[in-house]
Amino acid sequence: MRLSDLQNKDIVNIVDGKNIGNIIDVKIEETTGSIVAFIIEPNKNSFFFRNKGVDTEITWQSIAKIGEDVILVKVTM
């Protein structure tokens, strides 16, 4: 799977069912090459992320499932 494939998927929080944004980048562990976190561009209609202009990260441990059209994450506020 490529980054461009991931960027086309909606990210939905399974805690409240809200679409929280889109992936704009990934954070990678340099020594292992593993994905550490997704960098998210918050949804313009979402108040989930309050810090405008600050990169928001969804850690790999927060990802519940990567599906065909959506990435499900478990993030509590």
PDB file of N, CA and C in Angstrom:
ATOM      1  N   MET A   1       0.841  -1.177   0.000  1.00  0.00           N
ATOM      2  CA  MET A   1       0.000   0.000   0.000  1.00  0.00           C
ATOM      3  C   MET A   1       0.886   1.239   0.000  1.00  0.00           C
ATOM      4  N   ARG A   2       0.477   2.235  -0.743  1.00  0.00           N
ATOM      5  CA  ARG A   2       1.234   3.477  -0.849  1.00  0.00           C
ATOM      6  C   ARG A   2       0.603   4.573   0.000  1.00  0.00           C
ATOM      7  N   LEU A   3       1.396   5.579   0.305  1.00  0.00           N
ATOM      8  CA  LEU A   3       0.897   6.729   1.056  1.00  0.00           C
ATOM      9  C   LEU A   3      -0.279   7.369   0.338  1.00  0.00           C
ATOM     10  N   SER A   4      -0.218   7.457  -0.971  1.00  0.00           N
ATOM     11  CA  SER A   4      -1.314   8.062  -1.729  1.00  0.00           C
ATOM     12  C   SER A   4      -2.612   7.263  -1.561  1.00  0.00           C
ATOM     13  N   ASP A   5      -2.512   5.949  -1.395  1.00  0.00           N
ATOM     14  CA  ASP A   5      -3.703   5.131  -1.132  1.00  0.00           C
ATOM     15  C   ASP A   5      -4.302   5.476   0.230  1.00  0.00           C
ATOM     16  N   LEU A   6      -3.437   5.677   1.208  1.00  0.00           N
ATOM     17  CA  LEU A   6      -3.909   6.028   2.553  1.00  0.00           C
ATOM     18  C   LEU A   6      -4.526   7.421   2.588  1.00  0.00           C
ATOM     19  N   GLN A   7      -3.959   8.340   1.821  1.00  0.00           N
ATOM     20  CA  GLN A   7      -4.448   9.720   1.828  1.00  0.00           C
ATOM     21  C   GLN A   7      -5.862   9.840   1.273  1.00  0.00           C
ATOM     22  N   ASN A   8      -6.296   8.889   0.486  1.00  0.00           N
ATOM     23  CA  ASN A   8      -7.638   8.928  -0.088  1.00  0.00           C
ATOM     24  C   ASN A   8      -8.701   8.353   0.842  1.00  0.00           C
ATOM     25  N   LYS A   9      -8.306   7.825   1.973  1.00  0.00           N
ATOM     26  CA  LYS A   9      -9.255   7.215   2.899  1.00  0.00           C
ATOM     27  C   LYS A   9      -9.698   8.216   3.963  1.00  0.00           C
ATOM     28  N   ASP A  10     -10.974   8.134   4.347  1.00  0.00           N
ATOM     29  CA  ASP A  10     -11.471   8.932   5.466  1.00  0.00           C
ATOM     30  C   ASP A  10     -10.977   8.316   6.763  1.00  0.00           C
ATOM     31  N   ILE A  11     -10.722   9.150   7.754  1.00  0.00           N
ATOM     32  CA  ILE A  11     -10.329   8.662   9.073  1.00  0.00           C
ATOM     33  C   ILE A  11     -11.511   8.895  10.008  1.00  0.00           C
ATOM     34  N   VAL A  12     -12.030   7.806  10.569  1.00  0.00           N
ATOM     35  CA  VAL A  12     -13.214   7.874  11.415  1.00  0.00           C
ATOM     36  C   VAL A  12     -12.860   7.367  12.811  1.00  0.00           C
ATOM     37  N   ASN A  13     -13.270   8.147  13.811  1.00  0.00           N
ATOM     38  CA  ASN A  13     -13.046   7.782  15.204  1.00  0.00           C
ATOM     39  C   ASN A  13     -14.165   6.838  15.637  1.00  0.00           C
ATOM     40  N   ILE A  14     -13.812   5.625  16.069  1.00  0.00           N
ATOM     41  CA  ILE A  14     -14.833   4.659  16.462  1.00  0.00           C
ATOM     42  C   ILE A  14     -15.453   4.989  17.818  1.00  0.00           C
ATOM     43  N   VAL A  15     -14.859   5.919  18.549  1.00  0.00           N
ATOM     44  CA  VAL A  15     -15.419   6.318  19.839  1.00  0.00           C
ATOM     45  C   VAL A  15     -16.716   7.096  19.648  1.00  0.00           C
ATOM     46  N   ASP A  16     -16.724   8.019  18.665  1.00  0.00           N
ATOM     47  CA  ASP A  16     -17.910   8.848  18.452  1.00  0.00           C
ATOM     48  C   ASP A  16     -18.444   8.823  17.016  1.00  0.00           C
ATOM     49  N   GLY A  17     -17.784   8.099  16.116  1.00  0.00           N
ATOM     50  CA  GLY A  17     -18.248   7.963  14.741  1.00  0.00           C
ATOM     51  C   GLY A  17     -17.964   9.144  13.842  1.00  0.00           C
ATOM     52  N   LYS A  18     -17.187  10.118  14.311  1.00  0.00           N
ATOM     53  CA  LYS A  18     -16.926  11.323  13.526  1.00  0.00           C
ATOM     54  C   LYS A  18     -15.745  11.139  12.575  1.00  0.00           C
ATOM     55  N   ASN A  19     -15.879  11.761  11.404  1.00  0.00           N
ATOM     56  CA  ASN A  19     -14.773  11.833  10.448  1.00  0.00           C
ATOM     57  C   ASN A  19     -13.838  12.913  10.970  1.00  0.00           C
ATOM     58  N   ILE A  20     -12.596  12.542  11.274  1.00  0.00           N
ATOM     59  CA  ILE A  20     -11.717  13.506  11.935  1.00  0.00           C
ATOM     60  C   ILE A  20     -10.695  14.160  11.022  1.00  0.00           C
ATOM     61  N   GLY A  21     -10.587  13.735   9.782  1.00  0.00           N
ATOM     62  CA  GLY A  21      -9.666  14.411   8.879  1.00  0.00           C
ATOM     63  C   GLY A  21      -9.057  13.483   7.855  1.00  0.00           C
ATOM     64  N   ASN A  22      -8.010  13.981   7.214  1.00  0.00           N
ATOM     65  CA  ASN A  22      -7.306  13.222   6.179  1.00  0.00           C
ATOM     66  C   ASN A  22      -5.820  13.176   6.486  1.00  0.00           C
ATOM     67  N   ILE A  23      -5.179  12.113   6.023  1.00  0.00           N
ATOM     68  CA  ILE A  23      -3.738  11.967   6.196  1.00  0.00           C
ATOM     69  C   ILE A  23      -3.020  12.889   5.221  1.00  0.00           C
ATOM     70  N   ILE A  24      -2.092  13.676   5.747  1.00  0.00           N
ATOM     71  CA  ILE A  24      -1.268  14.521   4.882  1.00  0.00           C
ATOM     72  C   ILE A  24       0.182  14.050   4.869  1.00  0.00           C
ATOM     73  N   ASP A  25       0.550  13.222   5.866  1.00  0.00           N
ATOM     74  CA  ASP A  25       1.926  12.733   5.938  1.00  0.00           C
ATOM     75  C   ASP A  25       1.984  11.585   6.932  1.00  0.00           C
ATOM     76  N   VAL A  26       3.118  10.922   7.000  1.00  0.00           N
ATOM     77  CA  VAL A  26       3.337   9.876   7.993  1.00  0.00           C
ATOM     78  C   VAL A  26       4.644  10.152   8.720  1.00  0.00           C
ATOM     79  N   LYS A  27       4.699   9.686   9.953  1.00  0.00           N
ATOM     80  CA  LYS A  27       5.918   9.769  10.754  1.00  0.00           C
ATOM     81  C   LYS A  27       6.493   8.364  10.801  1.00  0.00           C
ATOM     82  N   ILE A  28       7.772   8.229  10.440  1.00  0.00           N
ATOM     83  CA  ILE A  28       8.412   6.916  10.322  1.00  0.00           C
ATOM     84  C   ILE A  28       9.589   6.812  11.277  1.00  0.00           C
ATOM     85  N   GLU A  29       9.696   5.663  11.944  1.00  0.00           N
ATOM     86  CA  GLU A  29      10.842   5.369  12.793  1.00  0.00           C
ATOM     87  C   GLU A  29      12.043   5.137  11.888  1.00  0.00           C
ATOM     88  N   GLU A  30      13.069   5.937  12.048  1.00  0.00           N
ATOM     89  CA  GLU A  30      14.217   5.897  11.143  1.00  0.00           C
ATOM     90  C   GLU A  30      14.973   4.575  11.168  1.00  0.00           C
ATOM     91  N   THR A  31      15.100   3.965  12.333  1.00  0.00           N
ATOM     92  CA  THR A  31      15.916   2.756  12.424  1.00  0.00           C
ATOM     93  C   THR A  31      15.215   1.519  11.882  1.00  0.00           C
ATOM     94  N   THR A  32      13.885   1.468  12.010  1.00  0.00           N
ATOM     95  CA  THR A  32      13.153   0.274  11.577  1.00  0.00           C
ATOM     96  C   THR A  32      12.355   0.482  10.292  1.00  0.00           C
ATOM     97  N   GLY A  33      12.057   1.731   9.965  1.00  0.00           N
ATOM     98  CA  GLY A  33      11.235   2.015   8.795  1.00  0.00           C
ATOM     99  C   GLY A  33       9.752   1.815   9.049  1.00  0.00           C
ATOM    100  N   SER A  34       9.370   1.589  10.302  1.00  0.00           N
ATOM    101  CA  SER A  34       7.966   1.372  10.671  1.00  0.00           C
ATOM    102  C   SER A  34       7.219   2.689  10.795  1.00  0.00           C
ATOM    103  N   ILE A  35       5.935   2.653  10.465  1.00  0.00           N
ATOM    104  CA  ILE A  35       5.089   3.835  10.645  1.00  0.00           C
ATOM    105  C   ILE A  35       4.829   4.014  12.131  1.00  0.00           C
ATOM    106  N   VAL A  36       5.089   5.215  12.643  1.00  0.00           N
ATOM    107  CA  VAL A  36       4.861   5.551  14.044  1.00  0.00           C
ATOM    108  C   VAL A  36       3.516   6.252  14.196  1.00  0.00           C
ATOM    109  N   ALA A  37       3.199   7.151  13.258  1.00  0.00           N
ATOM    110  CA  ALA A  37       1.971   7.936  13.360  1.00  0.00           C
ATOM    111  C   ALA A  37       1.584   8.488  11.999  1.00  0.00           C
ATOM    112  N   PHE A  38       0.299   8.780  11.863  1.00  0.00           N
ATOM    113  CA  PHE A  38      -0.199   9.513  10.720  1.00  0.00           C
ATOM    114  C   PHE A  38      -0.313  10.976  11.120  1.00  0.00           C
ATOM    115  N   ILE A  39       0.098  11.864  10.228  1.00  0.00           N
ATOM    116  CA  ILE A  39      -0.085  13.298  10.437  1.00  0.00           C
ATOM    117  C   ILE A  39      -1.401  13.663   9.760  1.00  0.00           C
ATOM    118  N   ILE A  40      -2.295  14.298  10.519  1.00  0.00           N
ATOM    119  CA  ILE A  40      -3.666  14.527  10.072  1.00  0.00           C
ATOM    120  C   ILE A  40      -3.930  16.000   9.816  1.00  0.00           C
ATOM    121  N   GLU A  41      -4.629  16.249   8.710  1.00  0.00           N
ATOM    122  CA  GLU A  41      -5.193  17.566   8.453  1.00  0.00           C
ATOM    123  C   GLU A  41      -6.632  17.488   8.946  1.00  0.00           C
ATOM    124  N   PRO A  42      -6.952  18.213  10.025  1.00  0.00           N
ATOM    125  CA  PRO A  42      -8.294  18.098  10.606  1.00  0.00           C
ATOM    126  C   PRO A  42      -9.382  18.490   9.619  1.00  0.00           C
ATOM    127  N   ASN A  43     -10.523  17.843   9.763  1.00  0.00           N
ATOM    128  CA  ASN A  43     -11.704  18.167   8.990  1.00  0.00           C
ATOM    129  C   ASN A  43     -12.105  19.606   9.296  1.00  0.00           C
ATOM    130  N   LYS A  44     -12.442  20.377   8.299  1.00  0.00           N
ATOM    131  CA  LYS A  44     -12.824  21.768   8.524  1.00  0.00           C
ATOM    132  C   LYS A  44     -14.102  21.880   9.347  1.00  0.00           C
ATOM    133  N   ASN A  45     -14.946  20.854   9.316  1.00  0.00           N
ATOM    134  CA  ASN A  45     -16.202  20.871  10.060  1.00  0.00           C
ATOM    135  C   ASN A  45     -16.085  20.237  11.432  1.00  0.00           C
ATOM    136  N   SER A  46     -14.890  19.804  11.805  1.00  0.00           N
ATOM    137  CA  SER A  46     -14.712  19.097  13.063  1.00  0.00           C
ATOM    138  C   SER A  46     -14.063  19.993  14.108  1.00  0.00           C
ATOM    139  N   PHE A  47     -14.573  19.895  15.323  1.00  0.00           N
ATOM    140  CA  PHE A  47     -13.972  20.623  16.435  1.00  0.00           C
ATOM    141  C   PHE A  47     -13.113  19.700  17.283  1.00  0.00           C
ATOM    142  N   PHE A  48     -12.830  18.490  16.744  1.00  0.00           N
ATOM    143  CA  PHE A  48     -12.071  17.488  17.487  1.00  0.00           C
ATOM    144  C   PHE A  48     -10.678  17.993  17.839  1.00  0.00           C
ATOM    145  N   PHE A  49     -10.014  18.605  16.877  1.00  0.00           N
ATOM    146  CA  PHE A  49      -8.672  19.111  17.108  1.00  0.00           C
ATOM    147  C   PHE A  49      -8.754  20.620  17.239  1.00  0.00           C
ATOM    148  N   ARG A  50      -8.373  21.132  18.369  1.00  0.00           N
ATOM    149  CA  ARG A  50      -8.574  22.543  18.673  1.00  0.00           C
ATOM    150  C   ARG A  50      -7.379  23.430  18.298  1.00  0.00           C
ATOM    151  N   ASN A  51      -6.206  22.863  18.142  1.00  0.00           N
ATOM    152  CA  ASN A  51      -5.005  23.656  17.871  1.00  0.00           C
ATOM    153  C   ASN A  51      -4.824  23.857  16.379  1.00  0.00           C
ATOM    154  N   LYS A  52      -5.302  24.973  15.877  1.00  0.00           N
ATOM    155  CA  LYS A  52      -5.169  25.245  14.452  1.00  0.00           C
ATOM    156  C   LYS A  52      -3.709  25.539  14.119  1.00  0.00           C
ATOM    157  N   GLY A  53      -3.265  25.047  12.990  1.00  0.00           N
ATOM    158  CA  GLY A  53      -1.888  25.282  12.571  1.00  0.00           C
ATOM    159  C   GLY A  53      -0.882  24.332  13.184  1.00  0.00           C
ATOM    160  N   VAL A  54      -1.326  23.453  14.067  1.00  0.00           N
ATOM    161  CA  VAL A  54      -0.438  22.490  14.713  1.00  0.00           C
ATOM    162  C   VAL A  54      -0.714  21.114  14.112  1.00  0.00           C
ATOM    163  N   ASP A  55       0.356  20.426  13.718  1.00  0.00           N
ATOM    164  CA  ASP A  55       0.188  19.081  13.179  1.00  0.00           C
ATOM    165  C   ASP A  55      -0.424  18.163  14.235  1.00  0.00           C
ATOM    166  N   THR A  56      -1.382  17.389  13.827  1.00  0.00           N
ATOM    167  CA  THR A  56      -2.029  16.436  14.717  1.00  0.00           C
ATOM    168  C   THR A  56      -1.576  15.048  14.321  1.00  0.00           C
ATOM    169  N   GLU A  57      -1.210  14.247  15.307  1.00  0.00           N
ATOM    170  CA  GLU A  57      -0.726  12.900  15.046  1.00  0.00           C
ATOM    171  C   GLU A  57      -1.696  11.868  15.598  1.00  0.00           C
ATOM    172  N   ILE A  58      -1.956  10.853  14.810  1.00  0.00           N
ATOM    173  CA  ILE A  58      -2.688   9.668  15.259  1.00  0.00           C
ATOM    174  C   ILE A  58      -1.653   8.551  15.306  1.00  0.00           C
ATOM    175  N   THR A  59      -1.364   8.047  16.495  1.00  0.00           N
ATOM    176  CA  THR A  59      -0.331   7.026  16.631  1.00  0.00           C
ATOM    177  C   THR A  59      -0.783   5.707  16.024  1.00  0.00           C
ATOM    178  N   TRP A  60       0.169   4.908  15.633  1.00  0.00           N
ATOM    179  CA  TRP A  60      -0.109   3.609  15.033  1.00  0.00           C
ATOM    180  C   TRP A  60      -0.927   2.738  15.987  1.00  0.00           C
ATOM    181  N   GLN A  61      -0.685   2.854  17.294  1.00  0.00           N
ATOM    182  CA  GLN A  61      -1.414   2.072  18.293  1.00  0.00           C
ATOM    183  C   GLN A  61      -2.887   2.455  18.350  1.00  0.00           C
ATOM    184  N   SER A  62      -3.247   3.658  17.885  1.00  0.00           N
ATOM    185  CA  SER A  62      -4.642   4.117  17.901  1.00  0.00           C
ATOM    186  C   SER A  62      -5.446   3.601  16.720  1.00  0.00           C
ATOM    187  N   ILE A  63      -4.780   3.007  15.743  1.00  0.00           N
ATOM    188  CA  ILE A  63      -5.468   2.535  14.542  1.00  0.00           C
ATOM    189  C   ILE A  63      -6.111   1.182  14.836  1.00  0.00           C
ATOM    190  N   ALA A  64      -7.429   1.134  14.647  1.00  0.00           N
ATOM    191  CA  ALA A  64      -8.167  -0.111  14.890  1.00  0.00           C
ATOM    192  C   ALA A  64      -8.231  -0.968  13.630  1.00  0.00           C
ATOM    193  N   LYS A  65      -8.417  -0.336  12.468  1.00  0.00           N
ATOM    194  CA  LYS A  65      -8.577  -1.091  11.224  1.00  0.00           C
ATOM    195  C   LYS A  65      -8.346  -0.168  10.035  1.00  0.00           C
ATOM    196  N   ILE A  66      -7.635  -0.676   9.035  1.00  0.00           N
ATOM    197  CA  ILE A  66      -7.502   0.025   7.762  1.00  0.00           C
ATOM    198  C   ILE A  66      -8.325  -0.755   6.763  1.00  0.00           C
ATOM    199  N   GLY A  67      -9.417  -0.136   6.325  1.00  0.00           N
ATOM    200  CA  GLY A  67     -10.322  -0.791   5.396  1.00  0.00           C
ATOM    201  C   GLY A  67     -10.130  -0.296   3.974  1.00  0.00           C
ATOM    202  N   GLU A  68     -11.011  -0.721   3.113  1.00  0.00           N
ATOM    203  CA  GLU A  68     -10.938  -0.357   1.701  1.00  0.00           C
ATOM    204  C   GLU A  68     -11.169   1.129   1.471  1.00  0.00           C
ATOM    205  N   ASP A  69     -12.112   1.724   2.228  1.00  0.00           N
ATOM    206  CA  ASP A  69     -12.467   3.133   2.041  1.00  0.00           C
ATOM    207  C   ASP A  69     -12.210   4.004   3.254  1.00  0.00           C
ATOM    208  N   VAL A  70     -11.919   3.403   4.394  1.00  0.00           N
ATOM    209  CA  VAL A  70     -11.849   4.155   5.643  1.00  0.00           C
ATOM    210  C   VAL A  70     -10.773   3.583   6.562  1.00  0.00           C
ATOM    211  N   ILE A  71     -10.234   4.457   7.403  1.00  0.00           N
ATOM    212  CA  ILE A  71      -9.320   4.040   8.467  1.00  0.00           C
ATOM    213  C   ILE A  71     -10.031   4.322   9.781  1.00  0.00           C
ATOM    214  N   LEU A  72     -10.223   3.274  10.584  1.00  0.00           N
ATOM    215  CA  LEU A  72     -10.891   3.424  11.866  1.00  0.00           C
ATOM    216  C   LEU A  72      -9.834   3.592  12.951  1.00  0.00           C
ATOM    217  N   VAL A  73     -10.013   4.632  13.769  1.00  0.00           N
ATOM    218  CA  VAL A  73      -9.091   4.893  14.868  1.00  0.00           C
ATOM    219  C   VAL A  73      -9.875   5.005  16.162  1.00  0.00           C
ATOM    220  N   LYS A  74      -9.197   4.763  17.262  1.00  0.00           N
ATOM    221  CA  LYS A  74      -9.815   4.900  18.581  1.00  0.00           C
ATOM    222  C   LYS A  74      -9.060   5.981  19.337  1.00  0.00           C
ATOM    223  N   VAL A  75      -9.671   7.157  19.368  1.00  0.00           N
ATOM    224  CA  VAL A  75      -9.062   8.310  20.022  1.00  0.00           C
ATOM    225  C   VAL A  75     -10.081   8.927  20.954  1.00  0.00           C
ATOM    226  N   THR A  76      -9.717   9.091  22.226  1.00  0.00           N
ATOM    227  CA  THR A  76     -10.614   9.744  23.172  1.00  0.00           C
ATOM    228  C   THR A  76     -10.147  11.176  23.405  1.00  0.00           C
ATOM    229  N   MET A  77     -11.115  12.032  23.641  1.00  0.00           N
ATOM    230  CA  MET A  77     -10.789  13.449  23.876  1.00  0.00           C
ATOM    231  C   MET A  77     -10.522  13.693  25.325  1.00  0.00           C
TER     232      MET A  77
END
